[in-house]
Amino acid sequence: MPTGKTSRMANLQPDNISLTGLVTFTDGTNTGLIGNRQTCEAYGYTFDSASGSCRLNQQHQVSLNSQFNQETNKITGERNRIESGVIGTFMSGSTNLIKSQCSNNLTTGSENITETRINNSAVFGINGKATRQTEFVIGGGANTHTFTCDRATETIYTDKQMSVVELSGGTCGRDSSTLTVNGDGTNYITVRNNSIIGYEVYLTRLELGGTGGTAGNYSYRHLRGSVNIDNAYSMTFSTLIGTTIGEIGGIAGSSAMIDTSTTDIKSISLQVTDRPSVVNQWSAIVYLHEVISTVTTF
């Protein structure tokens, strides 16, 4: 005679299959139930002894992932590729690549790359590379150039592109703040070695309170500079040239482009500060013009 537990298991039917292949069951009243080996294998699934769970076999898993990608990604053109874990993507053109674990990206053109775990970016043109969150990129075209120099043939190898990134953050008092991408508190402007980056920044500072601040006072500045990043990621910054375009209150605060690198991630960002007891919102639109030597080091 079957036990009560065996009888209950026999009445289970598959209810849901997660994107990771986990199969759960229902008894007609309750959902999310875990079946035993007998129930799992009766429906053609694989019982995972290590976790005590019922799962799709590998063949079904590949089919599920493929179906999921087709539903969330739109790809047209030739030789375009996306890696695993990519969702919410639109890609057109040819020979473009979006690497793994990316979401909500747009790529059109040819030979463009979106690096791993980059979200909400857009890449246009030829040979553009999105390496920063929420970045807008226009690729600079061919990355190999051959010409005659002193009667000899010379070939140079460089990546070139223009990018736009938004940085933002807040300050209270004289404590400096390093602005982050979209104010997420984590990401800065990542950089590549053997490169020159020219940057143009439009920086807004809006006073929103504090005992020393006046809500609505503001400054709007245009900043320009550049940085040389050598093979070892040592950075040499030019003098930051700034012009105040508009303001109320007679104060612009101070700003500087700085090295924000860690051991694993090399980056730069804008550091800002203002007067004591003033609460500010800062927002910067940063235009980046990059030339990266991909063969010759310096």
Protein backbone atom coordinates (compact mmCIF):
# COMPACT_ATOMS: atom_id res chain seq x y z
CA MET A 1 0.00 0.00 0.00
CA PRO A 2 1.46 3.40 -0.93
CA THR A 3 2.32 5.72 1.93
CA GLY A 4 0.66 9.12 2.27
CA LYS A 5 3.79 10.87 1.01
CA THR A 6 4.05 8.56 -2.03
CA SER A 7 0.40 9.14 -2.81
CA ARG A 8 0.82 12.91 -2.59
CA MET A 9 3.88 12.79 -4.88
CA ALA A 10 1.90 10.75 -7.44
CA ASN A 11 -0.65 13.53 -7.65
CA LEU A 12 1.92 16.22 -8.48
CA GLN A 13 2.07 17.79 -11.92
CA PRO A 14 4.74 20.12 -13.38
CA ASP A 15 3.84 23.74 -12.68
CA ASN A 16 6.83 25.97 -13.51
CA ILE A 17 10.30 25.81 -15.08
CA SER A 18 12.67 28.62 -14.09
CA LEU A 19 15.17 30.19 -16.46
CA THR A 20 17.89 28.18 -14.70
CA GLY A 21 16.04 24.91 -15.41
CA LEU A 22 14.55 24.23 -11.94
CA VAL A 23 11.24 22.35 -12.21
CA THR A 24 8.58 22.84 -9.52
CA PHE A 25 5.22 21.11 -9.19
CA THR A 26 1.63 21.67 -8.07
CA ASP A 27 -0.83 19.38 -6.34
CA GLY A 28 -3.77 21.38 -7.67
CA THR A 29 -3.82 23.66 -4.64
CA ASN A 30 -0.23 24.48 -3.73
CA THR A 31 2.48 25.59 -6.15
CA GLY A 32 6.26 25.66 -5.97
CA LEU A 33 6.46 22.09 -4.65
CA ILE A 34 9.63 20.00 -5.04
CA GLY A 35 9.12 16.53 -6.52
CA ASN A 36 11.05 13.40 -5.57
CA ARG A 37 13.10 11.33 -8.00
CA GLN A 38 10.14 9.16 -9.04
CA THR A 39 7.92 12.16 -9.81
CA CYS A 40 10.71 14.03 -11.57
CA GLU A 41 11.75 11.17 -13.83
CA ALA A 42 8.12 10.21 -14.55
CA TYR A 43 7.80 13.47 -16.50
CA GLY A 44 11.14 13.03 -18.30
CA TYR A 45 13.15 15.47 -16.19
CA THR A 46 16.48 14.89 -14.41
CA PHE A 47 16.66 14.47 -10.63
CA ASP A 48 19.69 16.31 -9.16
CA SER A 49 20.75 14.20 -6.18
CA ALA A 50 23.20 16.82 -4.89
CA SER A 51 20.52 19.48 -4.42
CA GLY A 52 17.47 17.22 -4.15
CA SER A 53 15.75 19.13 -6.95
CA CYS A 54 14.19 18.34 -10.29
CA ARG A 55 15.80 19.95 -13.34
CA LEU A 56 15.66 20.05 -17.09
CA ASN A 57 18.29 17.91 -18.75
CA GLN A 58 21.05 19.70 -20.68
CA GLN A 59 19.27 19.37 -24.02
CA HIS A 60 16.14 21.04 -22.66
CA GLN A 61 18.26 23.72 -20.93
CA VAL A 62 19.93 24.76 -24.18
CA SER A 63 16.53 24.97 -25.85
CA LEU A 64 15.16 27.07 -23.00
CA ASN A 65 18.08 29.52 -23.09
CA SER A 66 17.83 29.82 -26.85
CA GLN A 67 14.10 30.50 -26.66
CA PHE A 68 14.60 33.06 -23.90
CA ASN A 69 17.30 34.88 -25.93
CA GLN A 70 15.06 34.95 -28.98
CA GLU A 71 12.24 36.50 -26.97
CA THR A 72 14.34 39.26 -25.36
CA ASN A 73 16.94 40.03 -28.05
CA LYS A 74 16.45 41.32 -31.60
CA ILE A 75 19.36 40.57 -33.95
CA THR A 76 19.51 41.33 -37.67
CA GLY A 77 22.39 41.30 -40.13
CA GLU A 78 25.31 38.96 -40.67
CA ARG A 79 27.85 37.39 -38.30
CA ASN A 80 26.48 39.21 -35.26
CA ARG A 81 26.93 37.35 -31.96
CA ILE A 82 25.73 37.53 -28.38
CA GLU A 83 27.14 35.48 -25.52
CA SER A 84 25.27 33.78 -22.67
CA GLY A 85 23.18 35.81 -20.25
CA VAL A 86 22.50 38.69 -22.67
CA ILE A 87 18.97 40.14 -22.52
CA GLY A 88 17.11 43.15 -23.86
CA THR A 89 19.45 43.64 -26.82
CA PHE A 90 18.93 45.16 -30.26
CA MET A 91 21.73 44.53 -32.77
CA SER A 92 21.97 45.27 -36.49
CA GLY A 93 24.77 45.43 -39.01
CA SER A 94 27.58 42.89 -39.24
CA THR A 95 30.30 41.23 -37.16
CA ASN A 96 29.24 42.86 -33.89
CA LEU A 97 29.67 41.20 -30.50
CA ILE A 98 27.95 41.65 -27.15
CA LYS A 99 29.72 39.72 -24.42
CA SER A 100 28.12 37.82 -21.55
CA GLN A 101 25.80 39.10 -18.79
CA CYS A 102 24.85 42.35 -20.56
CA SER A 103 21.38 43.89 -20.66
CA ASN A 104 19.47 46.63 -22.48
CA ASN A 105 22.11 47.46 -25.10
CA LEU A 106 21.85 48.83 -28.62
CA THR A 107 24.49 48.13 -31.30
CA THR A 108 24.39 49.08 -34.95
CA GLY A 109 27.22 49.19 -37.47
CA SER A 110 30.09 46.74 -37.83
CA GLU A 111 32.87 45.24 -35.72
CA ASN A 112 31.58 46.86 -32.54
CA ILE A 113 32.01 45.23 -29.12
CA THR A 114 30.11 45.58 -25.85
CA GLU A 115 32.21 44.26 -22.99
CA THR A 116 31.04 41.84 -20.28
CA ARG A 117 28.42 43.08 -17.77
CA ILE A 118 27.85 46.42 -19.51
CA ASN A 119 24.25 47.64 -19.30
CA ASN A 120 22.19 50.35 -21.01
CA SER A 121 24.82 51.31 -23.60
CA ALA A 122 24.59 52.24 -27.28
CA VAL A 123 27.32 51.71 -29.89
CA PHE A 124 27.23 53.06 -33.45
CA GLY A 125 29.65 53.12 -36.37
CA ILE A 126 32.69 50.90 -36.90
CA ASN A 127 35.08 49.46 -34.31
CA GLY A 128 33.43 51.06 -31.29
CA LYS A 129 33.80 49.46 -27.86
CA ALA A 130 31.41 50.00 -24.93
CA THR A 131 33.34 49.51 -21.68
CA ARG A 132 31.33 51.79 -19.35
CA GLN A 133 27.81 51.58 -17.96
CA THR A 134 25.17 53.64 -19.86
CA GLU A 135 27.78 54.80 -22.40
CA PHE A 136 27.01 56.22 -25.85
CA VAL A 137 29.79 55.32 -28.32
CA ILE A 138 30.60 56.25 -31.92
CA GLY A 139 33.38 54.07 -33.31
CA GLY A 140 36.26 55.71 -35.17
CA GLY A 141 36.42 53.35 -38.14
CA ALA A 142 39.33 51.25 -39.35
CA ASN A 143 41.89 50.42 -36.65
CA THR A 144 44.74 49.70 -39.07
CA HIS A 145 46.30 52.42 -41.23
CA THR A 146 49.13 51.85 -43.73
CA PHE A 147 50.99 54.70 -45.42
CA THR A 148 54.39 55.66 -46.82
CA CYS A 149 56.79 57.34 -44.40
CA ASP A 150 60.32 58.33 -45.52
CA ARG A 151 59.99 56.01 -48.53
CA ALA A 152 59.15 53.07 -46.27
CA THR A 153 55.77 51.46 -45.64
CA GLU A 154 54.46 52.10 -42.15
CA THR A 155 51.46 50.46 -40.50
CA ILE A 156 49.93 51.78 -37.29
CA TYR A 157 47.31 50.11 -35.12
CA THR A 158 44.93 52.22 -33.05
CA ASP A 159 41.37 52.20 -31.77
CA LYS A 160 39.59 55.54 -31.99
CA GLN A 161 36.19 56.56 -30.69
CA MET A 162 34.01 59.25 -29.20
CA SER A 163 31.90 58.52 -26.12
CA VAL A 164 29.41 60.29 -23.87
CA VAL A 165 28.98 59.44 -20.18
CA GLU A 166 26.86 61.09 -17.47
CA LEU A 167 28.40 61.53 -14.00
CA SER A 168 26.52 62.74 -10.95
CA GLY A 169 26.53 62.93 -7.18
CA GLY A 170 25.96 65.20 -4.20
CA THR A 171 28.02 67.20 -1.72
CA CYS A 172 27.32 68.60 1.71
CA GLY A 173 29.87 71.10 2.98
CA ARG A 174 33.54 71.15 2.05
CA ASP A 175 33.90 67.36 1.82
CA SER A 176 34.80 66.46 -1.74
CA SER A 177 32.75 63.98 -3.74
CA THR A 178 33.85 61.88 -6.69
CA LEU A 179 31.01 61.69 -9.21
CA THR A 180 29.91 58.26 -10.46
CA VAL A 181 28.23 57.02 -13.65
CA ASN A 182 24.54 57.96 -13.42
CA GLY A 183 25.13 58.57 -9.70
CA ASP A 184 25.21 54.84 -9.00
CA GLY A 185 27.89 55.30 -6.31
CA THR A 186 30.10 52.59 -7.80
CA ASN A 187 31.21 53.06 -11.41
CA TYR A 188 33.67 55.57 -12.84
CA ILE A 189 34.99 56.18 -16.37
CA THR A 190 37.08 53.11 -17.13
CA VAL A 191 40.23 53.60 -19.23
CA ARG A 192 42.63 51.56 -21.36
CA ASN A 193 46.40 51.73 -21.21
CA ASN A 194 48.55 53.21 -24.01
CA SER A 195 45.86 55.77 -24.67
CA ILE A 196 45.21 59.49 -24.87
CA ILE A 197 41.81 60.76 -23.73
CA GLY A 198 40.65 64.27 -24.40
CA TYR A 199 37.59 65.22 -22.35
CA GLU A 200 35.06 68.00 -22.50
CA VAL A 201 32.74 68.38 -19.52
CA TYR A 202 29.55 70.37 -19.03
CA LEU A 203 29.11 70.56 -15.25
CA THR A 204 25.98 71.74 -13.44
CA ARG A 205 25.98 72.51 -9.70
CA LEU A 206 22.55 73.13 -8.17
CA GLU A 207 22.17 74.30 -4.55
CA LEU A 208 19.29 72.52 -2.81
CA GLY A 209 19.72 73.46 0.83
CA GLY A 210 21.98 73.52 3.85
CA THR A 211 22.34 76.38 6.34
CA GLY A 212 24.84 78.06 4.00
CA GLY A 213 23.04 77.37 0.73
CA THR A 214 20.23 78.98 -1.20
CA ALA A 215 17.93 76.63 -3.10
CA GLY A 216 17.98 77.51 -6.79
CA ASN A 217 21.45 79.07 -6.87
CA TYR A 218 23.54 77.30 -9.47
CA SER A 219 26.61 77.28 -11.69
CA TYR A 220 27.06 75.85 -15.18
CA ARG A 221 30.65 75.34 -16.33
CA HIS A 222 32.51 74.13 -19.42
CA LEU A 223 35.69 72.19 -18.59
CA ARG A 224 38.36 70.84 -20.96
CA GLY A 225 41.42 68.69 -20.44
CA SER A 226 43.27 65.51 -21.39
CA VAL A 227 45.09 62.58 -19.85
CA ASN A 228 47.96 60.36 -21.02
CA ILE A 229 47.68 56.75 -19.77
CA ASP A 230 50.86 54.73 -20.26
CA ASN A 231 51.35 50.98 -20.49
CA ALA A 232 51.49 50.62 -16.68
CA TYR A 233 48.36 52.80 -16.26
CA SER A 234 50.34 55.75 -14.89
CA MET A 235 48.30 58.87 -15.69
CA THR A 236 49.45 62.39 -16.58
CA PHE A 237 46.65 64.97 -16.55
CA SER A 238 46.77 68.30 -18.37
CA THR A 239 45.66 71.48 -16.63
CA LEU A 240 41.86 71.61 -16.53
CA ILE A 241 40.64 74.69 -18.39
CA GLY A 242 37.29 75.98 -17.17
CA THR A 243 34.79 78.63 -18.22
CA THR A 244 31.65 79.63 -16.32
CA ILE A 245 28.74 79.79 -18.75
CA GLY A 246 26.07 80.81 -16.27
CA GLU A 247 25.48 81.16 -12.51
CA ILE A 248 23.35 82.64 -9.75
CA GLY A 249 24.97 83.32 -6.40
CA GLY A 250 28.49 84.08 -7.62
CA ILE A 251 29.94 80.67 -6.66
CA ALA A 252 30.99 77.84 -8.99
CA GLY A 253 32.60 75.40 -6.57
CA SER A 254 35.77 73.55 -7.59
CA SER A 255 36.40 70.49 -9.73
CA ALA A 256 39.26 68.30 -10.96
CA MET A 257 39.62 65.19 -13.09
CA ILE A 258 41.41 62.53 -11.01
CA ASP A 259 42.68 58.95 -11.13
CA THR A 260 40.09 56.70 -9.44
CA SER A 261 41.80 53.38 -10.22
CA THR A 262 41.74 50.31 -8.02
CA THR A 263 43.98 47.27 -8.33
CA ASP A 264 41.56 45.59 -10.71
CA ILE A 265 39.76 48.46 -12.45
CA LYS A 266 41.54 51.48 -13.95
CA SER A 267 39.42 54.60 -14.20
CA ILE A 268 39.10 58.38 -13.97
CA SER A 269 36.33 60.67 -12.73
CA LEU A 270 35.46 64.21 -11.75
CA GLN A 271 35.98 65.26 -8.13
CA VAL A 272 33.95 68.25 -6.90
CA THR A 273 33.65 70.35 -3.73
CA ASP A 274 31.93 73.53 -2.48
CA ARG A 275 31.51 75.69 0.65
CA PRO A 276 30.64 74.58 4.20
CA SER A 277 26.99 73.83 4.99
CA VAL A 278 25.85 73.87 1.36
CA VAL A 279 23.97 70.92 -0.11
CA ASN A 280 24.54 70.49 -3.86
CA GLN A 281 23.44 68.22 -6.65
CA TRP A 282 26.16 67.87 -9.32
CA SER A 283 25.64 66.54 -12.83
CA ALA A 284 28.28 66.33 -15.56
CA ILE A 285 27.94 65.36 -19.21
CA VAL A 286 31.39 64.12 -20.25
CA TYR A 287 32.47 63.86 -23.89
CA LEU A 288 35.47 61.58 -24.38
CA HIS A 289 37.74 61.52 -27.44
CA GLU A 290 40.00 58.47 -27.24
CA VAL A 291 42.95 57.20 -29.25
CA ILE A 292 44.33 53.86 -28.05
CA SER A 293 47.53 52.29 -29.37
CA THR A 294 46.82 48.56 -29.65
CA VAL A 295 50.34 47.40 -30.63
CA THR A 296 52.93 50.07 -29.75
CA THR A 297 53.31 50.71 -26.00
CA PHE A 298 54.50 53.85 -24.23
